[in-house]
Protein backbone atom coordinates (compact mmCIF):
# COMPACT_ATOMS: atom_id res chain seq x y z
CA MET A 1 120.54 57.51 139.22
CA THR A 2 119.26 60.96 140.21
CA ARG A 3 116.41 62.09 137.99
CA ARG A 4 116.14 65.51 136.36
CA SER A 5 113.13 67.66 137.21
CA ASP A 6 111.74 67.45 133.66
CA GLU A 7 111.60 63.65 133.51
CA ARG A 8 108.32 61.85 132.94
CA LEU A 9 107.66 58.15 133.18
CA LEU A 10 105.31 56.42 130.76
CA ILE A 11 103.83 53.18 132.08
CA ALA A 12 101.69 50.58 130.35
CA ASP A 13 99.95 47.28 131.01
CA VAL A 14 99.75 45.39 127.71
CA GLY A 15 97.59 42.26 127.65
CA GLY A 16 95.77 40.03 125.24
CA THR A 17 92.53 42.00 125.58
CA LYS A 18 93.53 45.58 126.33
CA ALA A 19 96.43 47.95 126.84
CA VAL A 20 96.26 50.53 129.62
CA LEU A 21 98.67 53.49 129.49
CA ALA A 22 99.33 56.28 131.97
CA TRP A 23 101.82 58.92 133.06
CA VAL A 24 103.72 59.44 136.29
CA ASP A 25 105.34 62.78 136.98
CA LEU A 26 108.64 61.84 138.62
CA ARG A 27 108.73 65.15 140.49
CA ASP A 28 105.43 64.36 142.20
CA ASP A 29 103.78 61.61 144.25
CA LEU A 30 104.71 58.36 142.51
CA ARG A 31 101.32 56.92 143.46
CA LEU A 32 99.53 59.50 141.31
CA LEU A 33 98.72 58.14 137.85
CA THR A 34 97.47 60.62 135.27
CA ASP A 35 95.87 60.45 131.83
CA VAL A 36 94.99 56.77 132.22
CA ARG A 37 93.62 55.43 128.93
CA THR A 38 92.53 51.97 127.79
CA TYR A 39 92.84 50.60 124.26
CA PRO A 40 91.35 47.31 122.96
CA THR A 41 94.48 45.58 121.69
CA ARG A 42 92.78 43.53 118.99
CA GLU A 43 91.84 46.75 117.20
CA TYR A 44 95.51 47.63 116.65
CA VAL A 45 98.18 46.06 114.47
CA SER A 46 100.97 46.54 117.02
CA PHE A 47 101.86 48.14 120.30
CA ASP A 48 103.64 50.89 118.37
CA ASP A 49 100.28 51.87 116.90
CA VAL A 50 98.75 52.10 120.38
CA LEU A 51 101.66 54.13 121.69
CA GLU A 52 101.63 56.49 118.72
CA HIS A 53 97.94 57.11 119.32
CA TYR A 54 98.50 57.76 123.03
CA LEU A 55 101.47 60.08 122.53
CA ALA A 56 99.80 62.13 119.80
CA SER A 57 98.42 64.60 122.34
CA SER A 58 101.04 64.20 125.07
CA ARG A 59 104.54 65.30 125.97
CA GLN A 60 107.53 63.16 125.13
CA PRO A 61 108.43 60.57 127.78
CA THR A 62 112.02 60.27 128.96
CA GLU A 63 111.58 56.68 130.06
CA ALA A 64 108.96 53.92 129.96
CA VAL A 65 108.20 50.74 131.87
CA LEU A 66 105.90 48.38 130.00
CA ALA A 67 104.21 45.44 131.73
CA VAL A 68 103.49 42.83 129.06
CA ALA A 69 101.52 39.58 129.10
CA GLY A 70 104.28 37.24 128.02
CA PRO A 71 107.83 36.13 128.84
CA VAL A 72 110.51 38.81 128.58
CA VAL A 73 113.88 37.57 127.32
CA ASP A 74 116.79 39.85 126.39
CA GLY A 75 114.56 42.90 126.24
CA ARG A 76 112.01 41.31 123.91
CA ALA A 77 108.55 39.88 124.50
CA ARG A 78 105.88 38.16 122.44
CA ILE A 79 102.39 38.71 123.83
CA THR A 80 101.09 35.23 124.67
CA ASN A 81 97.49 35.68 123.51
CA LEU A 82 98.11 38.30 120.80
CA PRO A 83 100.33 38.28 117.67
CA TRP A 84 102.49 41.16 118.90
CA GLU A 85 106.21 41.32 119.54
CA ILE A 86 107.65 44.20 121.55
CA ALA A 87 111.36 45.03 121.90
CA GLU A 88 112.85 47.62 124.21
CA ARG A 89 115.32 48.95 121.64
CA SER A 90 112.69 49.17 118.90
CA VAL A 91 110.30 51.17 121.08
CA GLU A 92 113.13 53.49 122.13
CA GLU A 93 114.13 54.17 118.54
CA ALA A 94 110.61 54.45 117.12
CA HIS A 95 109.37 56.91 119.73
CA GLY A 96 112.49 58.73 120.86
CA ILE A 97 112.37 57.42 124.42
CA ARG A 98 115.69 57.36 126.26
CA THR A 99 115.06 54.16 128.24
CA VAL A 100 112.40 51.48 127.83
CA LYS A 101 112.10 48.53 130.20
CA LEU A 102 109.87 45.50 129.62
CA LEU A 103 108.48 43.55 132.58
CA ASN A 104 106.25 40.50 132.58
CA ASP A 105 102.81 41.76 133.62
CA LEU A 106 102.64 39.46 136.63
CA GLU A 107 106.11 40.53 137.69
CA ALA A 108 104.80 44.10 137.56
CA THR A 109 101.72 43.15 139.59
CA ALA A 110 103.98 41.52 142.17
CA TRP A 111 106.05 44.70 142.42
CA SER A 112 102.87 46.49 143.55
CA VAL A 113 102.13 44.13 146.44
CA PRO A 114 104.49 45.50 149.14
CA SER A 115 102.90 48.97 148.97
CA LEU A 116 99.25 47.89 148.79
CA ASP A 117 96.74 49.46 151.14
CA PRO A 118 94.54 47.10 153.18
CA SER A 119 91.57 48.38 151.16
CA ASP A 120 93.18 46.94 148.02
CA LEU A 121 92.75 43.38 149.31
CA VAL A 122 89.82 41.15 150.19
CA VAL A 123 91.01 38.60 152.73
CA LEU A 124 89.86 35.03 152.15
CA GLN A 125 92.02 33.47 154.88
CA VAL A 126 93.82 35.52 157.53
CA GLY A 127 96.49 32.92 158.25
CA VAL A 128 99.81 33.76 159.88
CA ARG A 129 102.07 35.95 157.78
CA ARG A 130 105.80 35.56 158.29
CA ALA A 131 107.67 38.85 158.12
CA ALA A 132 109.97 38.90 155.08
CA GLY A 133 108.39 35.66 153.81
CA SER A 134 107.99 34.96 150.11
CA VAL A 135 104.70 36.04 148.53
CA ALA A 136 103.01 34.17 145.66
CA VAL A 137 100.83 35.95 143.08
CA VAL A 138 98.43 33.95 140.91
CA ALA A 139 96.37 35.87 138.35
CA PRO A 140 93.77 34.35 136.03
CA GLY A 141 92.64 36.87 133.42
CA THR A 142 92.75 36.43 129.67
CA GLY A 143 95.50 33.89 130.41
CA LEU A 144 97.05 32.70 133.68
CA GLY A 145 99.99 34.60 135.13
CA GLU A 146 102.12 33.66 138.12
CA ALA A 147 104.93 35.52 139.88
CA PHE A 148 106.45 35.73 143.34
CA LEU A 149 108.30 38.09 145.67
CA THR A 150 111.37 37.42 147.80
CA TRP A 151 112.99 39.50 150.53
CA ASP A 152 116.69 40.30 150.17
CA GLY A 153 117.23 41.69 153.65
CA THR A 154 116.25 45.28 152.86
CA SER A 155 113.41 45.09 150.34
CA TYR A 156 111.21 42.85 148.23
CA SER A 157 112.03 41.94 144.63
CA ALA A 158 109.57 40.43 142.14
CA HIS A 159 110.29 37.45 139.90
CA ALA A 160 108.45 36.40 136.74
CA THR A 161 107.49 32.83 135.89
CA GLU A 162 105.56 31.06 133.16
CA GLY A 163 103.95 28.69 135.64
CA GLY A 164 100.59 29.04 133.94
CA HIS A 165 101.92 26.90 131.10
CA ALA A 166 102.85 23.97 133.33
CA ASP A 167 100.76 20.80 133.10
CA PHE A 168 97.19 20.82 134.39
CA ALA A 169 96.91 18.31 137.25
CA PRO A 170 93.31 17.15 137.90
CA CYS A 171 92.19 16.84 141.52
CA ASN A 172 89.22 14.51 141.10
CA GLU A 173 87.35 12.33 138.60
CA ALA A 174 85.35 15.24 137.17
CA GLN A 175 88.58 17.05 136.35
CA ASP A 176 90.04 13.80 134.98
CA ARG A 177 87.22 13.81 132.43
CA LEU A 178 87.91 17.47 131.62
CA LEU A 179 91.57 16.67 130.99
CA SER A 180 90.63 13.76 128.75
CA THR A 181 88.36 16.02 126.68
CA LEU A 182 91.01 18.71 126.27
CA ARG A 183 93.74 16.22 125.38
CA ALA A 184 91.77 15.46 122.23
CA GLU A 185 91.85 19.17 121.33
CA TYR A 186 95.26 20.40 122.49
CA GLU A 187 98.72 18.93 122.12
CA HIS A 188 99.54 20.15 125.63
CA VAL A 189 96.92 20.83 128.31
CA SER A 190 98.40 23.52 130.52
CA VAL A 191 96.75 24.82 133.66
CA GLU A 192 96.05 28.03 131.70
CA ARG A 193 93.75 26.01 129.42
CA VAL A 194 91.35 25.61 132.38
CA CYS A 195 92.27 28.44 134.76
CA SER A 196 91.80 31.62 132.72
CA GLY A 197 89.17 33.52 130.80
CA TYR A 198 89.31 31.22 127.81
CA GLY A 199 89.70 28.32 130.24
CA ILE A 200 86.18 29.04 131.47
CA GLY A 201 85.01 28.59 127.89
CA ASN A 202 86.81 25.24 127.70
CA ILE A 203 85.20 24.07 130.94
CA TYR A 204 81.74 25.19 129.85
CA ARG A 205 81.89 23.41 126.49
CA HIS A 206 83.13 20.23 128.16
CA LEU A 207 80.35 20.25 130.75
CA ALA A 208 77.73 21.04 128.11
CA ARG A 209 78.82 17.93 126.20
CA GLN A 210 78.61 15.88 129.40
CA GLY A 211 74.91 16.73 129.53
CA ALA A 212 74.37 16.99 133.28
CA PHE A 213 72.44 20.24 132.73
CA ALA A 214 70.68 21.53 129.62
CA GLU A 215 71.29 25.23 129.07
CA ILE A 216 68.25 27.46 129.53
CA PRO A 217 67.08 29.00 126.22
CA ALA A 218 67.77 32.66 127.10
CA ILE A 219 71.37 31.94 128.08
CA GLN A 220 71.85 29.58 125.13
CA ALA A 221 70.85 32.40 122.78
CA GLN A 222 73.51 34.65 124.35
CA ILE A 223 76.12 31.87 124.13
CA ASP A 224 75.32 31.26 120.46
CA GLY A 225 75.72 34.95 119.62
CA ALA A 226 78.88 35.64 121.62
CA ALA A 227 82.37 35.84 120.15
CA ASP A 228 83.65 35.22 123.69
CA ILE A 229 81.32 33.19 125.88
CA THR A 230 83.21 33.81 129.13
CA PRO A 231 81.41 37.07 130.12
CA VAL A 232 78.07 35.39 129.46
CA VAL A 233 78.95 32.36 131.59
CA VAL A 234 80.31 34.49 134.44
CA ALA A 235 77.30 36.82 134.51
CA ALA A 236 74.81 33.95 134.42
CA ALA A 237 76.67 32.11 137.19
CA LEU A 238 76.79 35.17 139.44
CA LYS A 239 73.05 35.73 138.98
CA GLY A 240 72.30 32.02 139.46
CA GLU A 241 70.41 32.00 136.16
CA SER A 242 71.98 28.85 134.70
CA PRO A 243 72.86 25.62 136.55
CA LEU A 244 75.36 24.81 133.79
CA CYS A 245 77.12 28.17 134.18
CA VAL A 246 77.17 27.76 137.98
CA GLN A 247 78.68 24.27 137.55
CA THR A 248 81.30 25.76 135.20
CA ILE A 249 82.37 28.49 137.62
CA ASN A 250 82.39 26.04 140.53
CA MET A 251 84.84 23.84 138.62
CA PHE A 252 86.94 26.85 137.59
CA SER A 253 87.09 28.03 141.22
CA GLU A 254 88.09 24.56 142.39
CA ILE A 255 90.93 24.50 139.83
CA LEU A 256 92.05 28.01 140.81
CA ALA A 257 92.12 27.07 144.50
CA ALA A 258 94.22 23.98 143.79
CA GLU A 259 96.65 25.91 141.57
CA ALA A 260 97.02 28.66 144.19
CA GLY A 261 97.91 25.99 146.74
CA ASN A 262 100.37 24.41 144.30
CA PHE A 263 102.13 27.72 143.69
CA ALA A 264 102.22 28.49 147.41
CA LEU A 265 104.12 25.24 147.97
CA LYS A 266 106.49 25.83 145.06
CA THR A 267 107.43 29.32 146.29
CA LEU A 268 107.23 28.56 150.03
CA ALA A 269 104.85 31.50 150.33
CA THR A 270 105.06 32.13 154.06
CA GLY A 271 104.28 35.77 153.31
CA GLY A 272 100.96 34.80 151.77
CA VAL A 273 99.23 34.21 148.45
CA VAL A 274 97.56 36.97 146.45
CA LEU A 275 95.00 36.20 143.76
CA ALA A 276 95.14 38.94 141.12
CA GLY A 277 93.67 39.44 137.65
CA GLY A 278 90.14 40.30 136.64
CA LEU A 279 88.46 36.96 137.33
CA PRO A 280 89.05 36.65 141.10
CA ARG A 281 87.70 40.18 141.62
CA ARG A 282 84.62 39.32 139.58
CA LEU A 283 84.05 35.91 141.12
CA LEU A 284 84.47 36.74 144.81
CA PRO A 285 81.19 35.03 145.85
CA PHE A 286 82.58 31.73 144.56
CA LEU A 287 85.91 32.23 146.37
CA GLN A 288 84.56 33.31 149.76
CA THR A 289 83.48 29.77 150.62
CA PRO A 290 84.73 26.91 152.82
CA ALA A 291 84.92 24.74 149.68
CA PHE A 292 87.42 27.12 148.05
CA LEU A 293 89.63 27.25 151.14
CA GLY A 294 89.36 23.50 151.54
CA ARG A 295 90.61 22.87 148.02
CA PHE A 296 93.40 25.45 148.47
CA ALA A 297 94.68 23.54 151.50
CA ALA A 298 94.07 20.00 150.24
CA LYS A 299 97.75 19.06 149.90
CA GLY A 300 98.06 16.00 152.11
CA ARG A 301 100.89 16.37 154.60
CA PHE A 302 101.05 20.13 153.97
CA ALA A 303 97.35 20.80 154.53
CA ASP A 304 97.97 22.27 157.99
CA TRP A 305 100.63 24.59 156.60
CA LEU A 306 98.31 25.88 153.86
CA GLU A 307 95.50 26.38 156.36
CA ARG A 308 97.81 28.90 158.06
CA THR A 309 98.88 30.62 154.81
CA PRO A 310 97.35 34.09 154.28
CA LEU A 311 95.19 34.21 151.14
CA SER A 312 93.75 37.39 149.63
CA VAL A 313 92.21 38.73 146.43
CA LEU A 314 93.75 41.86 144.92
CA CYS A 315 91.00 44.30 144.00
CA ALA A 316 93.14 47.14 142.60
CA PRO A 317 92.64 46.97 138.80
CA LEU A 318 95.61 49.27 138.10
CA ALA A 319 98.05 47.10 140.09
CA PRO A 320 100.29 46.29 137.05
CA LEU A 321 100.72 50.03 136.41
CA ARG A 322 101.49 50.73 140.04
CA GLY A 323 103.93 47.85 140.01
CA ALA A 324 105.67 49.29 136.96
CA VAL A 325 106.09 52.55 138.89
CA ALA A 326 107.38 50.64 141.93
CA TYR A 327 109.93 48.88 139.74
CA ALA A 328 111.16 52.20 138.31
CA ALA A 329 111.36 53.68 141.79
CA SER A 330 113.26 50.65 143.06
CA GLN A 331 115.96 51.17 140.46
CA THR A 332 116.47 54.75 141.62
CA ALA A 333 116.28 53.72 145.27
CA HIS A 334 118.97 51.07 144.88
CA SER A 335 121.27 53.48 143.08
CA GLU A 336 120.80 56.05 145.85
CA GLY A 337 121.01 53.63 148.77
CA ILE A 338 117.31 53.76 149.74
CA THR A 339 115.32 50.66 150.66
CA THR A 340 112.32 50.10 148.40
CA THR A 341 110.02 49.95 151.41
CA GLU A 342 110.63 53.70 151.73
CA VAL A 343 109.55 54.42 148.18
CA GLY A 344 105.98 55.52 147.45
CA ARG A 345 104.97 55.56 151.09
């Protein structure tokens, strides 16, 4: 599909906490995002309201690629941690857009990985990367997203999963107790319940009830007044102000390491594992440790294999948007006989 010179691509990253929208001029450098704006999703009734607000002072898009935090089936998606439903056809008709494509947000993030600059990644384990090997992407943010990339002989393609909603598998007795606590609260204890932003809240409340550490009064006052305790816990842990918060983030990091190792095995990620989402970027001091790498590799007979698997943290916050652009470019490239490794370079 050859694009006309007047075509503009609207891209968006729609999650449970915020929606980020931007433009890409298809006549220009596809890496150049313009008019990037962020909207708190819980202040809007629907995505249509966000889009109407964004487009009020902009030109009309000819096409749109929307990365959404939820499974996409038959052109429709329900945002996992928000009461929104988005449908390609509905957005096209409501806003006069010729073509709208929905992607799972982690699928979009995965699309960005092949064109990342080295500065976009913090390497936790160098490992040995196999050329054209599969790449696993694990992203704890508001929820837990997982996706992977495979090589088809000429280029990488991204694949969505809902692996974050698989069962949580404890690795030790402390996590056994956490699972027991959460079973009394939830019908199904998924790994997202403990490996996400709200998962940190679940871990903290469990450990507080266990009573190993009493919260210090200043932090307790912040916890009591917070609608979402996760930012408080993370900040206190990073500053070392609260033993209970440090214990919480240590357990979260241990769970994240184990889940990253699990997903590496399930996708045979010989091309490496990338930790994306807001939490790994924020919690780097807890991930850059021998304990984190040890738990990542603690898979019995496959420990040696995981010790050689590259492991990095993605520190490019606009990766889902860049991945949405990469997806759009890949569709043009395939139709014109170009490999996607040539696009956006």
